[in-house]
Protein backbone atom coordinates (compact mmCIF):
# COMPACT_ATOMS: atom_id res chain seq x y z
CA MET A 1 -0.02 0.36 0.02
CA ASN A 2 1.18 3.47 -0.89
CA ALA A 3 1.97 5.05 2.86
CA ALA A 4 1.50 8.38 1.63
CA LEU A 5 -2.18 7.56 1.43
CA THR A 6 -2.60 4.73 3.78
CA ARG A 7 -2.43 5.66 7.59
CA HIS A 8 -3.58 3.89 10.79
CA ALA A 9 -6.15 6.52 12.77
CA PHE A 10 -6.36 5.64 16.56
CA PHE A 11 -9.17 6.33 19.00
CA VAL A 12 -7.97 6.11 22.69
CA SER A 13 -10.33 6.73 25.53
CA ASP A 14 -10.46 6.15 29.36
CA ARG A 15 -13.95 4.88 28.56
CA THR A 16 -15.88 3.49 25.87
CA GLY A 17 -13.97 5.41 22.74
CA ILE A 18 -17.69 6.68 21.46
CA THR A 19 -16.69 10.55 21.83
CA ALA A 20 -13.32 10.37 20.01
CA GLU A 21 -15.18 7.74 17.66
CA MET A 22 -17.09 10.56 16.62
CA LEU A 23 -14.95 13.30 15.97
CA GLY A 24 -12.06 11.13 14.51
CA HIS A 25 -14.84 10.00 11.89
CA SER A 26 -16.18 13.15 11.27
CA LEU A 27 -12.30 14.67 10.39
CA LEU A 28 -11.14 11.77 8.98
CA ALA A 29 -14.18 12.09 6.29
CA GLN A 30 -13.10 15.22 5.24
CA PHE A 31 -9.68 13.42 3.11
CA GLU A 32 -11.28 11.50 0.73
CA ASP A 33 -8.09 10.97 -0.84
CA VAL A 34 -6.64 8.90 2.01
CA THR A 35 -7.41 5.25 3.58
CA PHE A 36 -7.33 5.02 7.27
CA LYS A 37 -7.14 1.72 8.83
CA GLU A 38 -8.95 2.81 12.32
CA THR A 39 -8.82 1.09 15.36
CA THR A 40 -10.31 2.06 18.77
CA LEU A 41 -8.45 1.34 22.21
CA PRO A 42 -11.27 2.01 25.04
CA PHE A 43 -10.78 1.96 28.67
CA VAL A 44 -6.87 3.42 28.69
CA ASP A 45 -7.29 4.45 32.44
CA SER A 46 -4.04 3.78 33.38
CA ALA A 47 -0.37 4.32 33.10
CA GLU A 48 0.59 0.63 31.93
CA ARG A 49 -2.45 0.34 30.08
CA ALA A 50 -0.94 3.12 27.94
CA ARG A 51 2.38 2.15 27.26
CA GLU A 52 0.45 -0.76 25.93
CA ALA A 53 -1.62 1.55 23.60
CA VAL A 54 1.64 3.34 22.71
CA ALA A 55 3.32 0.00 21.53
CA ARG A 56 0.35 -0.85 19.32
CA ILE A 57 0.42 2.52 17.84
CA ASN A 58 4.19 2.33 17.31
CA ALA A 59 4.37 -0.87 15.68
CA ALA A 60 1.40 0.39 13.09
CA GLY A 61 3.63 3.20 12.22
CA HIS A 62 6.47 1.00 11.99
CA ALA A 63 4.55 -1.70 9.73
CA ASP A 64 2.94 1.20 7.39
CA GLY A 65 5.93 3.63 7.11
CA ALA A 66 4.14 6.68 8.34
CA ARG A 67 3.19 7.87 11.42
CA PRO A 68 -0.83 6.95 12.74
CA LEU A 69 -2.72 9.24 14.00
CA VAL A 70 -3.97 9.38 17.25
CA PHE A 71 -7.33 11.12 18.65
CA SER A 72 -7.55 10.88 22.14
CA THR A 73 -10.15 11.73 24.94
CA LEU A 74 -8.28 11.12 28.01
CA VAL A 75 -8.01 13.07 30.98
CA ASP A 76 -5.90 12.10 33.03
CA PRO A 77 -2.90 13.80 32.45
CA GLU A 78 -0.26 10.96 33.65
CA VAL A 79 -2.42 8.80 31.31
CA SER A 80 -2.26 10.87 27.97
CA GLY A 81 0.95 12.15 28.59
CA VAL A 82 2.20 8.46 27.86
CA ILE A 83 0.78 8.69 24.67
CA ALA A 84 1.51 11.52 23.70
CA GLY A 85 5.30 9.98 23.61
CA ALA A 86 3.54 7.65 21.00
CA ASP A 87 5.68 8.40 17.52
CA ALA A 88 2.21 9.17 15.90
CA LEU A 89 -0.21 12.55 15.67
CA TYR A 90 -1.33 13.17 18.86
CA LEU A 91 -4.80 14.92 18.93
CA ASP A 92 -6.30 15.76 22.30
CA CYS A 93 -9.69 16.48 21.43
CA PHE A 94 -10.37 17.77 25.07
CA GLN A 95 -8.01 19.63 25.50
CA VAL A 96 -8.34 21.64 22.07
CA PHE A 97 -11.88 23.00 23.76
CA ILE A 98 -11.49 22.49 27.44
CA SER A 99 -8.66 24.94 27.81
CA PRO A 100 -10.23 28.03 25.88
CA MET A 101 -13.62 26.90 27.79
CA GLU A 102 -11.70 27.25 30.98
CA ARG A 103 -10.26 30.88 30.67
CA GLU A 104 -14.15 31.95 29.25
CA LEU A 105 -15.59 30.28 32.25
CA GLY A 106 -13.48 31.39 35.06
CA VAL A 107 -13.24 27.78 36.48
CA SER A 108 -11.43 24.51 35.91
CA HIS A 109 -13.10 21.24 34.68
CA SER A 110 -13.96 18.31 36.05
CA LEU A 111 -10.95 15.87 35.57
CA GLU A 112 -13.63 12.95 35.89
CA ILE A 113 -13.39 9.67 33.82
CA GLY A 114 -16.10 9.25 31.97
CA ARG A 115 -18.74 12.21 32.60
CA SER A 116 -20.12 12.08 28.92
CA HIS A 117 -21.53 8.68 29.25
CA ARG A 118 -22.76 8.59 32.81
CA VAL A 119 -25.93 7.89 33.40
CA LYS A 120 -26.63 11.63 35.09
CA ASP A 121 -30.48 11.76 34.52
CA THR A 122 -32.32 8.23 35.13
CA HIS A 123 -35.41 10.11 33.38
CA ASP A 124 -32.99 10.29 29.93
CA TYR A 125 -32.09 6.97 30.32
CA HIS A 126 -35.54 5.27 30.59
CA SER A 127 -37.11 7.45 27.92
CA ARG A 128 -34.24 5.85 25.92
CA ILE A 129 -34.95 2.18 26.33
CA GLU A 130 -38.64 2.82 26.49
CA ALA A 131 -38.16 4.86 22.68
CA VAL A 132 -35.76 1.76 21.49
CA ASN A 133 -38.32 -0.79 23.15
CA PHE A 134 -40.90 1.10 21.28
CA VAL A 135 -39.62 0.58 17.83
CA LEU A 136 -39.10 -2.91 18.18
CA ALA A 137 -42.47 -3.59 18.92
CA HIS A 138 -43.57 -1.57 16.10
CA ASP A 139 -40.70 -2.21 13.14
CA ASP A 140 -41.83 -3.27 9.95
CA GLY A 141 -46.07 -3.17 10.43
CA VAL A 142 -45.68 -6.32 13.34
CA SER A 143 -48.12 -4.38 15.63
CA THR A 144 -50.04 -1.36 14.77
CA LYS A 145 -51.61 -0.95 18.00
CA GLU A 146 -50.89 2.01 20.34
CA LEU A 147 -49.53 3.56 17.09
CA ARG A 148 -51.19 7.09 18.91
CA GLU A 149 -48.19 6.90 21.03
CA ALA A 150 -45.89 7.13 17.76
CA ASP A 151 -43.81 10.74 17.47
CA ILE A 152 -43.42 9.43 13.51
CA ILE A 153 -44.25 6.77 11.51
CA LEU A 154 -41.92 6.14 8.70
CA VAL A 155 -43.26 3.88 5.51
CA GLY A 156 -41.76 3.02 2.30
CA VAL A 157 -40.95 -0.76 0.22
CA SER A 158 -39.39 -2.97 1.92
CA ARG A 159 -35.34 -2.81 2.35
CA CYS A 160 -35.42 1.21 1.74
CA GLY A 161 -33.65 1.71 5.44
CA LYS A 162 -36.74 2.02 7.46
CA THR A 163 -35.93 -0.18 10.28
CA PRO A 164 -32.47 1.03 11.10
CA THR A 165 -33.50 4.90 11.09
CA CYS A 166 -36.10 4.15 13.54
CA LEU A 167 -34.03 2.40 15.73
CA TYR A 168 -31.40 5.11 15.50
CA MET A 169 -33.74 7.85 16.47
CA GLY A 170 -35.20 5.75 19.56
CA LEU A 171 -31.09 5.38 20.58
CA GLN A 172 -30.01 8.96 20.03
CA TYR A 173 -33.02 11.17 19.57
CA GLY A 174 -35.55 9.14 22.55
CA ILE A 175 -37.89 9.36 19.40
CA ARG A 176 -40.92 6.64 19.62
CA ALA A 177 -40.91 5.42 15.49
CA ALA A 178 -42.80 2.97 14.06
CA ASN A 179 -42.62 1.61 10.13
CA TYR A 180 -45.07 0.19 8.18
CA PRO A 181 -43.83 -1.56 4.64
CA LEU A 182 -45.25 -0.36 2.02
CA ILE A 183 -46.54 -3.62 -0.39
CA PRO A 184 -47.93 -4.27 -4.20
CA GLU A 185 -51.33 -4.33 -2.72
CA ASP A 186 -51.18 -1.36 -1.36
CA PHE A 187 -51.01 0.07 -4.45
CA GLN A 188 -53.58 -1.08 -6.39
CA ASP A 189 -55.95 1.88 -5.65
CA GLN A 190 -52.83 4.27 -4.32
CA ARG A 191 -54.55 4.77 -0.88
CA LEU A 192 -53.06 4.29 2.28
CA PRO A 193 -54.11 0.86 4.28
CA ALA A 194 -56.98 1.29 6.46
CA SER A 195 -54.18 1.01 9.55
CA LEU A 196 -52.52 4.12 9.03
CA GLU A 197 -55.48 6.49 7.65
CA PRO A 198 -56.11 7.75 11.39
CA TRP A 199 -52.56 8.60 11.99
CA ARG A 200 -51.44 10.41 8.27
CA ALA A 201 -50.06 13.59 9.85
CA LYS A 202 -47.27 11.24 11.66
CA LEU A 203 -46.35 9.87 8.43
CA PHE A 204 -43.01 10.37 6.89
CA GLY A 205 -41.68 8.40 3.63
CA LEU A 206 -38.41 6.79 2.74
CA THR A 207 -37.56 5.81 -0.89
CA ILE A 208 -34.54 4.41 -2.54
CA PHE A 209 -32.81 4.06 -6.34
CA PRO A 210 -34.33 0.62 -7.58
CA GLU A 211 -30.74 -0.40 -8.42
CA ARG A 212 -29.70 0.37 -5.40
CA LEU A 213 -32.67 -1.50 -3.65
CA ALA A 214 -32.13 -4.65 -5.96
CA GLN A 215 -28.73 -4.81 -4.96
CA ILE A 216 -30.18 -5.08 -0.84
CA ARG A 217 -32.51 -7.45 -2.10
CA HIS A 218 -30.29 -9.95 -3.54
CA GLU A 219 -28.22 -9.94 -0.64
CA ARG A 220 -31.62 -11.37 1.81
CA ARG A 221 -33.20 -13.37 -1.16
CA PRO A 222 -30.76 -14.30 -4.41
CA ASN A 223 -32.74 -14.37 -7.59
CA SER A 224 -35.88 -14.10 -6.03
CA GLN A 225 -38.71 -12.27 -7.55
CA TYR A 226 -38.79 -9.91 -4.62
CA ALA A 227 -34.92 -8.99 -5.50
CA ASN A 228 -35.69 -8.39 -9.32
CA PRO A 229 -34.40 -5.35 -11.13
CA GLU A 230 -37.82 -5.03 -12.83
CA ASN A 231 -39.55 -5.56 -9.96
CA CYS A 232 -38.09 -3.36 -7.34
CA ALA A 233 -37.85 -0.79 -10.06
CA PHE A 234 -41.95 -1.07 -10.25
CA GLU A 235 -42.28 -0.99 -6.15
CA VAL A 236 -40.32 1.88 -5.84
CA GLU A 237 -42.51 4.15 -8.60
CA ARG A 238 -45.58 3.01 -7.39
CA ALA A 239 -44.51 3.88 -3.36
CA GLU A 240 -43.21 7.10 -4.70
CA ARG A 241 -46.82 7.84 -6.39
CA LEU A 242 -48.57 6.92 -3.65
CA MET A 243 -46.87 8.89 -1.14
CA ARG A 244 -46.99 12.01 -3.82
CA SER A 245 -50.76 11.57 -3.96
CA GLN A 246 -51.16 11.46 0.13
CA ARG A 247 -49.35 14.21 0.12
CA ILE A 248 -46.59 12.03 2.76
CA PRO A 249 -43.22 14.17 1.99
CA PHE A 250 -40.05 11.65 1.77
CA LEU A 251 -36.48 11.24 1.84
CA ASP A 252 -34.18 9.10 -0.66
CA THR A 253 -31.88 6.98 1.04
CA THR A 254 -29.50 5.72 -1.76
CA HIS A 255 -26.64 8.17 -0.68
CA ARG A 256 -27.67 9.22 2.91
CA SER A 257 -25.98 8.16 6.08
CA ILE A 258 -28.56 6.96 9.14
CA GLU A 259 -27.09 9.72 11.21
CA GLU A 260 -28.14 12.70 8.18
CA LEU A 261 -31.67 10.60 7.59
CA ALA A 262 -32.62 10.62 10.94
CA ALA A 263 -31.49 14.06 11.91
CA THR A 264 -33.64 15.18 8.71
CA ILE A 265 -36.60 13.97 9.37
CA VAL A 266 -36.35 15.08 12.90
CA HIS A 267 -35.71 18.89 11.09
CA GLN A 268 -38.58 18.20 8.40
CA ALA A 269 -41.48 16.33 10.97
CA GLY A 270 -40.75 19.52 13.91
CA LEU A 271 -39.78 16.63 15.85
CA LYS A 272 -39.09 16.80 19.66
CA ARG A 273 -35.57 15.57 20.90
CA HIS A 274 -36.47 14.24 24.04
CA ILE A 275 -32.95 13.11 25.28
CA PHE A 276 -29.40 14.36 24.85
């Protein structure tokens, strides 16, 4: 591999590594011409574990012939000092922001490990669990009961991305999201299924390029009518026609990430975020 275009990237944390990953991924995505081999090193909460992490980082750099990038959210100065000694570009994600904030606020930060991922609000935690449970209980039209409690109901053809989007909204926003698959029988009279009619104000549609849909369905059911490109094109066209005729807003999922889809739906539908 070309060392100039392939680099190791490490996300180092004293807890789960989620914060370092989120910020690191956002930054790495800006460099499309570079291939990053990403590794998360969680629970680096002692000098000994930090030295073990440094050994892995240095070994990766020697193998590539180029310095790795290290994104750190370590709190303990002793531990972060060990990691900073690695033969790598060391990026302390906290200090970039903490030091200016300390100067502005006139107080020091808490130096407390894992504070950002602590269950500090029991109500928020239970809201998240209840939202995810609601999503699972109302996935793929399995149950249309209690739809009055749904914040939103996603509709669209099978395998267009409804389930992962609902799960993300439940997990990250605490939103009670249900989803219902539109099937060929629903296209005959171009009317909403009776079970959805009372909740049309909560409906939001998803669509997808037929070619991409055929690829996804082929992985699930190879060489089936379900995955047939002509059938996929038919279902997508009829589903979009139905959503337009019923004035249901919809988004194309083909080139959007789950994160972007969820954020766009929450914004466009005017939904209230229940957790942070």
